[in-house]
Amino acid sequence: NARARREAADREIRHLLAYGREFHGDRPYKLDALAQASGMTPSGIR
């Protein structure tokens, strides 16, 4: 059950990152801000 919750959280993070980078108009969220909020590296966001 914990694994399923973790996988769901990881999926949600990927969807939110896609939204922030691909659907946010002329000013997509910056990689640094998304990396800090998600606990990833800027290159990992890509």
PDB file of all heavy atoms in Angstrom:
ATOM      1  N   ASN A   1       0.824  -1.206   0.000  1.00  0.00           N
ATOM      2  CA  ASN A   1       0.000   0.000   0.000  1.00  0.00           C
ATOM      3  C   ASN A   1       0.862   1.260   0.000  1.00  0.00           C
ATOM      4  O   ASN A   1       0.560   2.231  -0.701  1.00  0.00           O
ATOM      5  CB  ASN A   1      -0.947   0.008   1.207  1.00  0.00           C
ATOM      6  CG  ASN A   1      -2.037  -1.031   1.108  1.00  0.00           C
ATOM      7  OD1 ASN A   1      -2.326  -1.561   0.041  1.00  0.00           O
ATOM      8  ND2 ASN A   1      -2.639  -1.358   2.246  1.00  0.00           N
ATOM      9  N   ALA A   2       1.938   1.248   0.793  1.00  0.00           N
ATOM     10  CA  ALA A   2       2.852   2.402   0.837  1.00  0.00           C
ATOM     11  C   ALA A   2       3.513   2.608  -0.526  1.00  0.00           C
ATOM     12  O   ALA A   2       3.671   3.742  -0.994  1.00  0.00           O
ATOM     13  CB  ALA A   2       3.906   2.209   1.926  1.00  0.00           C
ATOM     14  N   ARG A   3       3.899   1.528  -1.143  1.00  0.00           N
ATOM     15  CA  ARG A   3       4.498   1.610  -2.482  1.00  0.00           C
ATOM     16  C   ARG A   3       3.511   2.212  -3.486  1.00  0.00           C
ATOM     17  O   ARG A   3       3.871   3.068  -4.289  1.00  0.00           O
ATOM     18  CB  ARG A   3       4.929   0.224  -2.940  1.00  0.00           C
ATOM     19  CG  ARG A   3       5.485   0.211  -4.331  1.00  0.00           C
ATOM     20  CD  ARG A   3       5.879  -1.200  -4.722  1.00  0.00           C
ATOM     21  NE  ARG A   3       6.061  -1.277  -6.148  1.00  0.00           N
ATOM     22  CZ  ARG A   3       6.119  -2.387  -6.814  1.00  0.00           C
ATOM     23  NH1 ARG A   3       6.009  -3.546  -6.196  1.00  0.00           N
ATOM     24  NH2 ARG A   3       6.282  -2.387  -8.108  1.00  0.00           N
ATOM     25  N   ALA A   4       2.255   1.790  -3.423  1.00  0.00           N
ATOM     26  CA  ALA A   4       1.234   2.331  -4.329  1.00  0.00           C
ATOM     27  C   ALA A   4       1.043   3.826  -4.097  1.00  0.00           C
ATOM     28  O   ALA A   4       0.900   4.601  -5.051  1.00  0.00           O
ATOM     29  CB  ALA A   4      -0.079   1.582  -4.157  1.00  0.00           C
ATOM     30  N   ARG A   5       1.064   4.248  -2.816  1.00  0.00           N
ATOM     31  CA  ARG A   5       0.939   5.689  -2.519  1.00  0.00           C
ATOM     32  C   ARG A   5       2.140   6.455  -3.055  1.00  0.00           C
ATOM     33  O   ARG A   5       2.007   7.554  -3.597  1.00  0.00           O
ATOM     34  CB  ARG A   5       0.790   5.926  -1.015  1.00  0.00           C
ATOM     35  CG  ARG A   5      -0.559   5.511  -0.452  1.00  0.00           C
ATOM     36  CD  ARG A   5      -0.751   5.977   0.986  1.00  0.00           C
ATOM     37  NE  ARG A   5       0.292   5.550   1.904  1.00  0.00           N
ATOM     38  CZ  ARG A   5       0.313   4.385   2.540  1.00  0.00           C
ATOM     39  NH1 ARG A   5      -0.662   3.499   2.347  1.00  0.00           N
ATOM     40  NH2 ARG A   5       1.293   4.094   3.367  1.00  0.00           N
ATOM     41  N   ARG A   6       3.350   5.871  -2.920  1.00  0.00           N
ATOM     42  CA  ARG A   6       4.557   6.526  -3.435  1.00  0.00           C
ATOM     43  C   ARG A   6       4.488   6.646  -4.954  1.00  0.00           C
ATOM     44  O   ARG A   6       4.812   7.700  -5.518  1.00  0.00           O
ATOM     45  CB  ARG A   6       5.804   5.748  -3.025  1.00  0.00           C
ATOM     46  CG  ARG A   6       7.097   6.424  -3.525  1.00  0.00           C
ATOM     47  CD  ARG A   6       8.332   5.618  -3.229  1.00  0.00           C
ATOM     48  NE  ARG A   6       8.253   4.355  -3.932  1.00  0.00           N
ATOM     49  CZ  ARG A   6       8.886   3.254  -3.571  1.00  0.00           C
ATOM     50  NH1 ARG A   6       9.645   3.238  -2.502  1.00  0.00           N
ATOM     51  NH2 ARG A   6       8.764   2.161  -4.266  1.00  0.00           N
ATOM     52  N   GLU A   7       4.068   5.589  -5.631  1.00  0.00           N
ATOM     53  CA  GLU A   7       3.962   5.638  -7.092  1.00  0.00           C
ATOM     54  C   GLU A   7       2.935   6.668  -7.535  1.00  0.00           C
ATOM     55  O   GLU A   7       3.139   7.385  -8.516  1.00  0.00           O
ATOM     56  CB  GLU A   7       3.624   4.246  -7.641  1.00  0.00           C
ATOM     57  CG  GLU A   7       4.787   3.279  -7.527  1.00  0.00           C
ATOM     58  CD  GLU A   7       4.422   1.836  -7.838  1.00  0.00           C
ATOM     59  OE1 GLU A   7       3.215   1.529  -8.041  1.00  0.00           O
ATOM     60  OE2 GLU A   7       5.344   1.000  -7.869  1.00  0.00           O
ATOM     61  N   ALA A   8       1.832   6.767  -6.795  1.00  0.00           N
ATOM     62  CA  ALA A   8       0.814   7.775  -7.120  1.00  0.00           C
ATOM     63  C   ALA A   8       1.368   9.179  -6.907  1.00  0.00           C
ATOM     64  O   ALA A   8       1.123  10.085  -7.716  1.00  0.00           O
ATOM     65  CB  ALA A   8      -0.441   7.554  -6.282  1.00  0.00           C
ATOM     66  N   ALA A   9       2.140   9.377  -5.835  1.00  0.00           N
ATOM     67  CA  ALA A   9       2.746  10.687  -5.580  1.00  0.00           C
ATOM     68  C   ALA A   9       3.760  11.031  -6.664  1.00  0.00           C
ATOM     69  O   ALA A   9       3.804  12.176  -7.148  1.00  0.00           O
ATOM     70  CB  ALA A   9       3.405  10.714  -4.201  1.00  0.00           C
ATOM     71  N   ASP A  10       4.566  10.064  -7.078  1.00  0.00           N
ATOM     72  CA  ASP A  10       5.539  10.294  -8.157  1.00  0.00           C
ATOM     73  C   ASP A  10       4.833  10.659  -9.455  1.00  0.00           C
ATOM     74  O   ASP A  10       5.260  11.563 -10.175  1.00  0.00           O
ATOM     75  CB  ASP A  10       6.411   9.057  -8.375  1.00  0.00           C
ATOM     76  CG  ASP A  10       7.407   8.815  -7.257  1.00  0.00           C
ATOM     77  OD1 ASP A  10       7.663   9.750  -6.467  1.00  0.00           O
ATOM     78  OD2 ASP A  10       7.928   7.684  -7.171  1.00  0.00           O
ATOM     79  N   ARG A  11       3.738   9.981  -9.747  1.00  0.00           N
ATOM     80  CA  ARG A  11       2.959  10.269 -10.955  1.00  0.00           C
ATOM     81  C   ARG A  11       2.387  11.689 -10.889  1.00  0.00           C
ATOM     82  O   ARG A  11       2.440  12.445 -11.856  1.00  0.00           O
ATOM     83  CB  ARG A  11       1.856   9.229 -11.116  1.00  0.00           C
ATOM     84  CG  ARG A  11       1.075   9.301 -12.396  1.00  0.00           C
ATOM     85  CD  ARG A  11       0.129   8.112 -12.596  1.00  0.00           C
ATOM     86  NE  ARG A  11      -0.578   7.670 -11.395  1.00  0.00           N
ATOM     87  CZ  ARG A  11      -0.274   6.589 -10.672  1.00  0.00           C
ATOM     88  NH1 ARG A  11       0.707   5.794 -11.009  1.00  0.00           N
ATOM     89  NH2 ARG A  11      -0.982   6.272  -9.597  1.00  0.00           N
ATOM     90  N   GLU A  12       1.867  12.056  -9.729  1.00  0.00           N
ATOM     91  CA  GLU A  12       1.326  13.409  -9.545  1.00  0.00           C
ATOM     92  C   GLU A  12       2.412  14.459  -9.749  1.00  0.00           C
ATOM     93  O   GLU A  12       2.184  15.487 -10.396  1.00  0.00           O
ATOM     94  CB  GLU A  12       0.711  13.540  -8.145  1.00  0.00           C
ATOM     95  CG  GLU A  12       0.126  14.913  -7.871  1.00  0.00           C
ATOM     96  CD  GLU A  12      -0.451  15.042  -6.468  1.00  0.00           C
ATOM     97  OE1 GLU A  12      -0.505  14.054  -5.720  1.00  0.00           O
ATOM     98  OE2 GLU A  12      -0.856  16.165  -6.124  1.00  0.00           O
ATOM     99  N   ILE A  13       3.601  14.216  -9.219  1.00  0.00           N
ATOM    100  CA  ILE A  13       4.720  15.150  -9.396  1.00  0.00           C
ATOM    101  C   ILE A  13       5.057  15.295 -10.875  1.00  0.00           C
ATOM    102  O   ILE A  13       5.243  16.409 -11.375  1.00  0.00           O
ATOM    103  CB  ILE A  13       5.946  14.704  -8.567  1.00  0.00           C
ATOM    104  CG1 ILE A  13       5.671  14.937  -7.075  1.00  0.00           C
ATOM    105  CG2 ILE A  13       7.212  15.441  -9.008  1.00  0.00           C
ATOM    106  CD1 ILE A  13       6.700  14.312  -6.148  1.00  0.00           C
ATOM    107  N   ARG A  14       5.127  14.185 -11.602  1.00  0.00           N
ATOM    108  CA  ARG A  14       5.420  14.270 -13.041  1.00  0.00           C
ATOM    109  C   ARG A  14       4.358  15.077 -13.775  1.00  0.00           C
ATOM    110  O   ARG A  14       4.669  15.900 -14.637  1.00  0.00           O
ATOM    111  CB  ARG A  14       5.537  12.870 -13.638  1.00  0.00           C
ATOM    112  CG  ARG A  14       6.778  12.114 -13.214  1.00  0.00           C
ATOM    113  CD  ARG A  14       7.020  10.856 -14.032  1.00  0.00           C
ATOM    114  NE  ARG A  14       5.867   9.970 -14.097  1.00  0.00           N
ATOM    115  CZ  ARG A  14       5.594   9.009 -13.208  1.00  0.00           C
ATOM    116  NH1 ARG A  14       6.387   8.827 -12.164  1.00  0.00           N
ATOM    117  NH2 ARG A  14       4.528   8.241 -13.368  1.00  0.00           N
ATOM    118  N   HIS A  15       3.094  14.885 -13.423  1.00  0.00           N
ATOM    119  CA  HIS A  15       2.013  15.638 -14.070  1.00  0.00           C
ATOM    120  C   HIS A  15       2.096  17.120 -13.737  1.00  0.00           C
ATOM    121  O   HIS A  15       1.904  17.970 -14.613  1.00  0.00           O
ATOM    122  CB  HIS A  15       0.651  15.079 -13.662  1.00  0.00           C
ATOM    123  CG  HIS A  15       0.388  13.724 -14.229  1.00  0.00           C
ATOM    124  ND1 HIS A  15      -0.585  12.892 -13.727  1.00  0.00           N
ATOM    125  CD2 HIS A  15       0.975  13.032 -15.238  1.00  0.00           C
ATOM    126  CE1 HIS A  15      -0.592  11.763 -14.412  1.00  0.00           C
ATOM    127  NE2 HIS A  15       0.348  11.831 -15.330  1.00  0.00           N
ATOM    128  N   LEU A  16       2.403  17.440 -12.492  1.00  0.00           N
ATOM    129  CA  LEU A  16       2.530  18.845 -12.112  1.00  0.00           C
ATOM    130  C   LEU A  16       3.728  19.500 -12.792  1.00  0.00           C
ATOM    131  O   LEU A  16       3.652  20.669 -13.211  1.00  0.00           O
ATOM    132  CB  LEU A  16       2.629  18.972 -10.584  1.00  0.00           C
ATOM    133  CG  LEU A  16       1.342  18.634  -9.829  1.00  0.00           C
ATOM    134  CD1 LEU A  16       1.614  18.522  -8.328  1.00  0.00           C
ATOM    135  CD2 LEU A  16       0.264  19.669 -10.116  1.00  0.00           C
ATOM    136  N   LEU A  17       4.825  18.765 -12.918  1.00  0.00           N
ATOM    137  CA  LEU A  17       5.988  19.308 -13.630  1.00  0.00           C
ATOM    138  C   LEU A  17       5.661  19.556 -15.098  1.00  0.00           C
ATOM    139  O   LEU A  17       6.027  20.597 -15.660  1.00  0.00           O
ATOM    140  CB  LEU A  17       7.188  18.358 -13.507  1.00  0.00           C
ATOM    141  CG  LEU A  17       7.794  18.245 -12.113  1.00  0.00           C
ATOM    142  CD1 LEU A  17       8.844  17.136 -12.080  1.00  0.00           C
ATOM    143  CD2 LEU A  17       8.388  19.566 -11.656  1.00  0.00           C
ATOM    144  N   ALA A  18       4.980  18.604 -15.712  1.00  0.00           N
ATOM    145  CA  ALA A  18       4.576  18.783 -17.111  1.00  0.00           C
ATOM    146  C   ALA A  18       3.693  20.015 -17.246  1.00  0.00           C
ATOM    147  O   ALA A  18       3.865  20.823 -18.169  1.00  0.00           O
ATOM    148  CB  ALA A  18       3.845  17.537 -17.622  1.00  0.00           C
ATOM    149  N   TYR A  19       2.775  20.177 -16.322  1.00  0.00           N
ATOM    150  CA  TYR A  19       1.902  21.349 -16.366  1.00  0.00           C
ATOM    151  C   TYR A  19       2.721  22.641 -16.242  1.00  0.00           C
ATOM    152  O   TYR A  19       2.559  23.574 -17.025  1.00  0.00           O
ATOM    153  CB  TYR A  19       0.848  21.287 -15.255  1.00  0.00           C
ATOM    154  CG  TYR A  19       0.025  22.541 -15.203  1.00  0.00           C
ATOM    155  CD1 TYR A  19      -1.001  22.751 -16.117  1.00  0.00           C
ATOM    156  CD2 TYR A  19       0.285  23.530 -14.265  1.00  0.00           C
ATOM    157  CE1 TYR A  19      -1.742  23.921 -16.095  1.00  0.00           C
ATOM    158  CE2 TYR A  19      -0.450  24.694 -14.235  1.00  0.00           C
ATOM    159  CZ  TYR A  19      -1.461  24.892 -15.157  1.00  0.00           C
ATOM    160  OH  TYR A  19      -2.183  26.045 -15.136  1.00  0.00           O
ATOM    161  N   GLY A  20       3.590  22.686 -15.267  1.00  0.00           N
ATOM    162  CA  GLY A  20       4.385  23.898 -15.027  1.00  0.00           C
ATOM    163  C   GLY A  20       5.287  24.275 -16.179  1.00  0.00           C
ATOM    164  O   GLY A  20       5.530  25.457 -16.426  1.00  0.00           O
ATOM    165  N   ARG A  21       5.782  23.291 -16.895  1.00  0.00           N
ATOM    166  CA  ARG A  21       6.699  23.561 -18.010  1.00  0.00           C
ATOM    167  C   ARG A  21       5.989  23.692 -19.353  1.00  0.00           C
ATOM    168  O   ARG A  21       6.418  24.468 -20.208  1.00  0.00           O
ATOM    169  CB  ARG A  21       7.757  22.470 -18.109  1.00  0.00           C
ATOM    170  CG  ARG A  21       8.744  22.439 -16.967  1.00  0.00           C
ATOM    171  CD  ARG A  21       9.599  23.670 -16.867  1.00  0.00           C
ATOM    172  NE  ARG A  21      10.486  23.769 -18.025  1.00  0.00           N
ATOM    173  CZ  ARG A  21      11.169  24.857 -18.359  1.00  0.00           C
ATOM    174  NH1 ARG A  21      11.076  25.940 -17.637  1.00  0.00           N
ATOM    175  NH2 ARG A  21      11.936  24.851 -19.417  1.00  0.00           N
ATOM    176  N   GLU A  22       4.935  22.945 -19.572  1.00  0.00           N
ATOM    177  CA  GLU A  22       4.334  22.855 -20.904  1.00  0.00           C
ATOM    178  C   GLU A  22       3.016  23.610 -21.074  1.00  0.00           C
ATOM    179  O   GLU A  22       2.602  23.854 -22.195  1.00  0.00           O
ATOM    180  CB  GLU A  22       4.099  21.378 -21.270  1.00  0.00           C
ATOM    181  CG  GLU A  22       5.312  20.498 -21.141  1.00  0.00           C
ATOM    182  CD  GLU A  22       6.439  20.830 -22.109  1.00  0.00           C
ATOM    183  OE1 GLU A  22       6.167  21.446 -23.155  1.00  0.00           O
ATOM    184  OE2 GLU A  22       7.588  20.493 -21.801  1.00  0.00           O
ATOM    185  N   PHE A  23       2.360  23.972 -19.992  1.00  0.00           N
ATOM    186  CA  PHE A  23       1.017  24.542 -20.103  1.00  0.00           C
ATOM    187  C   PHE A  23       0.900  25.915 -19.453  1.00  0.00           C
ATOM    188  O   PHE A  23      -0.192  26.386 -19.201  1.00  0.00           O
ATOM    189  CB  PHE A  23      -0.010  23.620 -19.432  1.00  0.00           C
ATOM    190  CG  PHE A  23      -0.180  22.302 -20.119  1.00  0.00           C
ATOM    191  CD1 PHE A  23       0.656  21.237 -19.833  1.00  0.00           C
ATOM    192  CD2 PHE A  23      -1.170  22.125 -21.067  1.00  0.00           C
ATOM    193  CE1 PHE A  23       0.515  20.013 -20.455  1.00  0.00           C
ATOM    194  CE2 PHE A  23      -1.335  20.899 -21.706  1.00  0.00           C
ATOM    195  CZ  PHE A  23      -0.489  19.851 -21.401  1.00  0.00           C
ATOM    196  N   HIS A  24       1.992  26.540 -19.170  1.00  0.00           N
ATOM    197  CA  HIS A  24       1.930  27.770 -18.385  1.00  0.00           C
ATOM    198  C   HIS A  24       2.251  29.009 -19.207  1.00  0.00           C
ATOM    199  O   HIS A  24       2.913  29.934 -18.756  1.00  0.00           O
ATOM    200  CB  HIS A  24       2.840  27.659 -17.161  1.00  0.00           C
ATOM    201  CG  HIS A  24       2.394  28.525 -16.042  1.00  0.00           C
ATOM    202  ND1 HIS A  24       2.919  29.760 -15.811  1.00  0.00           N
ATOM    203  CD2 HIS A  24       1.430  28.352 -15.115  1.00  0.00           C
ATOM    204  CE1 HIS A  24       2.326  30.309 -14.788  1.00  0.00           C
ATOM    205  NE2 HIS A  24       1.411  29.469 -14.338  1.00  0.00           N
ATOM    206  N   GLY A  25       1.795  29.038 -20.435  1.00  0.00           N
ATOM    207  CA  GLY A  25       1.883  30.239 -21.267  1.00  0.00           C
ATOM    208  C   GLY A  25       3.288  30.635 -21.647  1.00  0.00           C
ATOM    209  O   GLY A  25       4.185  29.803 -21.769  1.00  0.00           O
ATOM    210  N   ASP A  26       3.457  31.937 -21.830  1.00  0.00           N
ATOM    211  CA  ASP A  26       4.744  32.471 -22.287  1.00  0.00           C
ATOM    212  C   ASP A  26       5.828  32.400 -21.221  1.00  0.00           C
ATOM    213  O   ASP A  26       6.993  32.571 -21.536  1.00  0.00           O
ATOM    214  CB  ASP A  26       4.579  33.939 -22.715  1.00  0.00           C
ATOM    215  CG  ASP A  26       3.732  34.082 -23.961  1.00  0.00           C
ATOM    216  OD1 ASP A  26       3.622  33.091 -24.720  1.00  0.00           O
ATOM    217  OD2 ASP A  26       3.169  35.172 -24.167  1.00  0.00           O
ATOM    218  N   ARG A  27       5.437  32.164 -19.994  1.00  0.00           N
ATOM    219  CA  ARG A  27       6.410  32.151 -18.913  1.00  0.00           C
ATOM    220  C   ARG A  27       6.310  30.849 -18.126  1.00  0.00           C
ATOM    221  O   ARG A  27       5.765  30.817 -17.031  1.00  0.00           O
ATOM    222  CB  ARG A  27       6.184  33.353 -18.010  1.00  0.00           C
ATOM    223  CG  ARG A  27       6.292  34.663 -18.794  1.00  0.00           C
ATOM    224  CD  ARG A  27       6.260  35.829 -17.915  1.00  0.00           C
ATOM    225  NE  ARG A  27       7.527  35.847 -17.200  1.00  0.00           N
ATOM    226  CZ  ARG A  27       7.794  36.672 -16.229  1.00  0.00           C
ATOM    227  NH1 ARG A  27       6.916  37.553 -15.849  1.00  0.00           N
ATOM    228  NH2 ARG A  27       8.963  36.643 -15.612  1.00  0.00           N
ATOM    229  N   PRO A  28       6.840  29.762 -18.680  1.00  0.00           N
ATOM    230  CA  PRO A  28       6.798  28.505 -17.920  1.00  0.00           C
ATOM    231  C   PRO A  28       7.607  28.655 -16.636  1.00  0.00           C
ATOM    232  O   PRO A  28       8.494  29.506 -16.540  1.00  0.00           O
ATOM    233  CB  PRO A  28       7.434  27.490 -18.857  1.00  0.00           C
ATOM    234  CG  PRO A  28       8.240  28.285 -19.807  1.00  0.00           C
ATOM    235  CD  PRO A  28       7.562  29.622 -19.935  1.00  0.00           C
ATOM    236  N   TYR A  29       7.268  27.846 -15.668  1.00  0.00           N
ATOM    237  CA  TYR A  29       8.022  27.890 -14.418  1.00  0.00           C
ATOM    238  C   TYR A  29       9.486  27.591 -14.695  1.00  0.00           C
ATOM    239  O   TYR A  29       9.826  26.754 -15.527  1.00  0.00           O
ATOM    240  CB  TYR A  29       7.469  26.857 -13.429  1.00  0.00           C
ATOM    241  CG  TYR A  29       6.234  27.325 -12.720  1.00  0.00           C
ATOM    242  CD1 TYR A  29       4.992  27.234 -13.324  1.00  0.00           C
ATOM    243  CD2 TYR A  29       6.313  27.881 -11.442  1.00  0.00           C
ATOM    244  CE1 TYR A  29       3.848  27.664 -12.669  1.00  0.00           C
ATOM    245  CE2 TYR A  29       5.174  28.313 -10.787  1.00  0.00           C
ATOM    246  CZ  TYR A  29       3.952  28.210 -11.404  1.00  0.00           C
ATOM    247  OH  TYR A  29       2.830  28.637 -10.762  1.00  0.00           O
ATOM    248  N   LYS A  30      10.354  28.261 -13.965  1.00  0.00           N
ATOM    249  CA  LYS A  30      11.793  28.057 -14.129  1.00  0.00           C
ATOM    250  C   LYS A  30      12.199  26.716 -13.524  1.00  0.00           C
ATOM    251  O   LYS A  30      11.619  26.256 -12.541  1.00  0.00           O
ATOM    252  CB  LYS A  30      12.563  29.198 -13.476  1.00  0.00           C
ATOM    253  CG  LYS A  30      12.314  30.545 -14.160  1.00  0.00           C
ATOM    254  CD  LYS A  30      13.240  31.595 -13.613  1.00  0.00           C
ATOM    255  CE  LYS A  30      12.978  32.939 -14.228  1.00  0.00           C
ATOM    256  NZ  LYS A  30      13.292  33.058 -15.604  1.00  0.00           N
ATOM    257  N   LEU A  31      13.200  26.118 -14.152  1.00  0.00           N
ATOM    258  CA  LEU A  31      13.674  24.808 -13.702  1.00  0.00           C
ATOM    259  C   LEU A  31      14.119  24.844 -12.246  1.00  0.00           C
ATOM    260  O   LEU A  31      13.852  23.902 -11.488  1.00  0.00           O
ATOM    261  CB  LEU A  31      14.821  24.330 -14.596  1.00  0.00           C
ATOM    262  CG  LEU A  31      14.449  24.025 -16.041  1.00  0.00           C
ATOM    263  CD1 LEU A  31      15.713  23.729 -16.848  1.00  0.00           C
ATOM    264  CD2 LEU A  31      13.480  22.868 -16.112  1.00  0.00           C
ATOM    265  N   ASP A  32      14.809  25.914 -11.842  1.00  0.00           N
ATOM    266  CA  ASP A  32      15.302  25.996 -10.459  1.00  0.00           C
ATOM    267  C   ASP A  32      14.159  25.975  -9.450  1.00  0.00           C
ATOM    268  O   ASP A  32      14.239  25.284  -8.430  1.00  0.00           O
ATOM    269  CB  ASP A  32      16.149  27.256 -10.255  1.00  0.00           C
ATOM    270  CG  ASP A  32      17.503  27.173 -10.933  1.00  0.00           C
ATOM    271  OD1 ASP A  32      17.976  26.045 -11.186  1.00  0.00           O
ATOM    272  OD2 ASP A  32      18.091  28.235 -11.210  1.00  0.00           O
ATOM    273  N   ALA A  33      13.096  26.730  -9.723  1.00  0.00           N
ATOM    274  CA  ALA A  33      11.965  26.770  -8.794  1.00  0.00           C
ATOM    275  C   ALA A  33      11.277  25.410  -8.717  1.00  0.00           C
ATOM    276  O   ALA A  33      10.931  24.939  -7.622  1.00  0.00           O
ATOM    277  CB  ALA A  33      10.973  27.845  -9.221  1.00  0.00           C
ATOM    278  N   LEU A  34      11.064  24.776  -9.862  1.00  0.00           N
ATOM    279  CA  LEU A  34      10.430  23.459  -9.878  1.00  0.00           C
ATOM    280  C   LEU A  34      11.315  22.422  -9.193  1.00  0.00           C
ATOM    281  O   LEU A  34      10.816  21.548  -8.480  1.00  0.00           O
ATOM    282  CB  LEU A  34      10.119  23.030 -11.312  1.00  0.00           C
ATOM    283  CG  LEU A  34       9.058  23.852 -12.037  1.00  0.00           C
ATOM    284  CD1 LEU A  34       8.975  23.429 -13.502  1.00  0.00           C
ATOM    285  CD2 LEU A  34       7.704  23.723 -11.363  1.00  0.00           C
ATOM    286  N   ALA A  35      12.624  22.520  -9.409  1.00  0.00           N
ATOM    287  CA  ALA A  35      13.553  21.574  -8.786  1.00  0.00           C
ATOM    288  C   ALA A  35      13.515  21.697  -7.271  1.00  0.00           C
ATOM    289  O   ALA A  35      13.440  20.695  -6.551  1.00  0.00           O
ATOM    290  CB  ALA A  35      14.965  21.818  -9.311  1.00  0.00           C
ATOM    291  N   GLN A  36      13.537  22.928  -6.784  1.00  0.00           N
ATOM    292  CA  GLN A  36      13.513  23.127  -5.341  1.00  0.00           C
ATOM    293  C   GLN A  36      12.209  22.610  -4.737  1.00  0.00           C
ATOM    294  O   GLN A  36      12.217  21.918  -3.720  1.00  0.00           O
ATOM    295  CB  GLN A  36      13.698  24.603  -5.004  1.00  0.00           C
ATOM    296  CG  GLN A  36      13.798  24.867  -3.524  1.00  0.00           C
ATOM    297  CD  GLN A  36      14.095  26.316  -3.213  1.00  0.00           C
ATOM    298  OE1 GLN A  36      14.014  27.178  -4.068  1.00  0.00           O
ATOM    299  NE2 GLN A  36      14.442  26.578  -1.976  1.00  0.00           N
ATOM    300  N   ALA A  37      11.090  22.900  -5.370  1.00  0.00           N
ATOM    301  CA  ALA A  37       9.793  22.479  -4.835  1.00  0.00           C
ATOM    302  C   ALA A  37       9.603  20.966  -4.893  1.00  0.00           C
ATOM    303  O   ALA A  37       8.951  20.388  -4.023  1.00  0.00           O
ATOM    304  CB  ALA A  37       8.667  23.175  -5.596  1.00  0.00           C
ATOM    305  N   SER A  38      10.181  20.316  -5.908  1.00  0.00           N
ATOM    306  CA  SER A  38       9.969  18.883  -6.082  1.00  0.00           C
ATOM    307  C   SER A  38      11.069  18.022  -5.463  1.00  0.00           C
ATOM    308  O   SER A  38      10.927  16.801  -5.415  1.00  0.00           O
ATOM    309  CB  SER A  38       9.866  18.552  -7.573  1.00  0.00           C
ATOM    310  OG  SER A  38      11.104  18.801  -8.218  1.00  0.00           O
ATOM    311  N   GLY A  39      12.155  18.656  -5.027  1.00  0.00           N
ATOM    312  CA  GLY A  39      13.269  17.890  -4.465  1.00  0.00           C
ATOM    313  C   GLY A  39      14.139  17.246  -5.526  1.00  0.00           C
ATOM    314  O   GLY A  39      14.851  16.284  -5.252  1.00  0.00           O
ATOM    315  N   MET A  40      14.068  17.775  -6.734  1.00  0.00           N
ATOM    316  CA  MET A  40      14.856  17.244  -7.844  1.00  0.00           C
ATOM    317  C   MET A  40      15.934  18.247  -8.230  1.00  0.00           C
ATOM    318  O   MET A  40      15.990  19.350  -7.691  1.00  0.00           O
ATOM    319  CB  MET A  40      13.938  16.974  -9.042  1.00  0.00           C
ATOM    320  CG  MET A  40      12.832  15.976  -8.753  1.00  0.00           C
ATOM    321  SD  MET A  40      11.663  15.819 -10.102  1.00  0.00           S
ATOM    322  CE  MET A  40      12.642  14.841 -11.233  1.00  0.00           C
ATOM    323  N   THR A  41      16.762  17.871  -9.175  1.00  0.00           N
ATOM    324  CA  THR A  41      17.737  18.799  -9.738  1.00  0.00           C
ATOM    325  C   THR A  41      17.113  19.462 -10.958  1.00  0.00           C
ATOM    326  O   THR A  41      16.208  18.900 -11.583  1.00  0.00           O
ATOM    327  CB  THR A  41      19.026  18.073 -10.169  1.00  0.00           C
ATOM    328  OG1 THR A  41      18.692  17.155 -11.227  1.00  0.00           O
ATOM    329  CG2 THR A  41      19.656  17.319  -9.007  1.00  0.00           C
ATOM    330  N   PRO A  42      17.613  20.648 -11.328  1.00  0.00           N
ATOM    331  CA  PRO A  42      17.081  21.286 -12.540  1.00  0.00           C
ATOM    332  C   PRO A  42      17.196  20.390 -13.771  1.00  0.00           C
ATOM    333  O   PRO A  42      16.263  20.314 -14.576  1.00  0.00           O
ATOM    334  CB  PRO A  42      17.922  22.551 -12.677  1.00  0.00           C
ATOM    335  CG  PRO A  42      18.313  22.883 -11.271  1.00  0.00           C
ATOM    336  CD  PRO A  42      18.531  21.535 -10.616  1.00  0.00           C
ATOM    337  N   SER A  43      18.306  19.687 -13.918  1.00  0.00           N
ATOM    338  CA  SER A  43      18.435  18.805 -15.082  1.00  0.00           C
ATOM    339  C   SER A  43      17.477  17.628 -14.989  1.00  0.00           C
ATOM    340  O   SER A  43      17.011  17.119 -16.008  1.00  0.00           O
ATOM    341  CB  SER A  43      19.875  18.314 -15.233  1.00  0.00           C
ATOM    342  OG  SER A  43      20.263  17.558 -14.103  1.00  0.00           O
ATOM    343  N   GLY A  44      17.148  17.207 -13.769  1.00  0.00           N
ATOM    344  CA  GLY A  44      16.196  16.116 -13.597  1.00  0.00           C
ATOM    345  C   GLY A  44      14.786  16.499 -13.994  1.00  0.00           C
ATOM    346  O   GLY A  44      14.003  15.652 -14.422  1.00  0.00           O
ATOM    347  N   ILE A  45      14.461  17.787 -13.892  1.00  0.00           N
ATOM    348  CA  ILE A  45      13.130  18.260 -14.271  1.00  0.00           C
ATOM    349  C   ILE A  45      12.902  18.012 -15.761  1.00  0.00           C
ATOM    350  O   ILE A  45      11.830  17.595 -16.181  1.00  0.00           O
ATOM    351  CB  ILE A  45      12.947  19.758 -13.952  1.00  0.00           C
ATOM    352  CG1 ILE A  45      13.083  20.028 -12.456  1.00  0.00           C
ATOM    353  CG2 ILE A  45      11.618  20.291 -14.486  1.00  0.00           C
ATOM    354  CD1 ILE A  45      12.073  19.355 -11.594  1.00  0.00           C
ATOM    355  N   ARG A  46      13.922  18.251 -16.554  1.00  0.00           N
ATOM    356  CA  ARG A  46      13.791  18.106 -18.013  1.00  0.00           C
ATOM    357  C   ARG A  46      13.421  16.687 -18.432  1.00  0.00           C
ATOM    358  O   ARG A  46      12.744  16.494 -19.431  1.00  0.00           O
ATOM    359  CB  ARG A  46      15.091  18.500 -18.704  1.00  0.00           C
ATOM    360  CG  ARG A  46      15.422  19.958 -18.607  1.00  0.00           C
ATOM    361  CD  ARG A  46      16.705  20.236 -19.411  1.00  0.00           C
ATOM    362  NE  ARG A  46      17.231  21.540 -19.164  1.00  0.00           N
ATOM    363  CZ  ARG A  46      16.830  22.642 -19.792  1.00  0.00           C
ATOM    364  NH1 ARG A  46      15.882  22.578 -20.690  1.00  0.00           N
ATOM    365  NH2 ARG A  46      17.377  23.806 -19.511  1.00  0.00           N
TER     366      ARG A  46
END
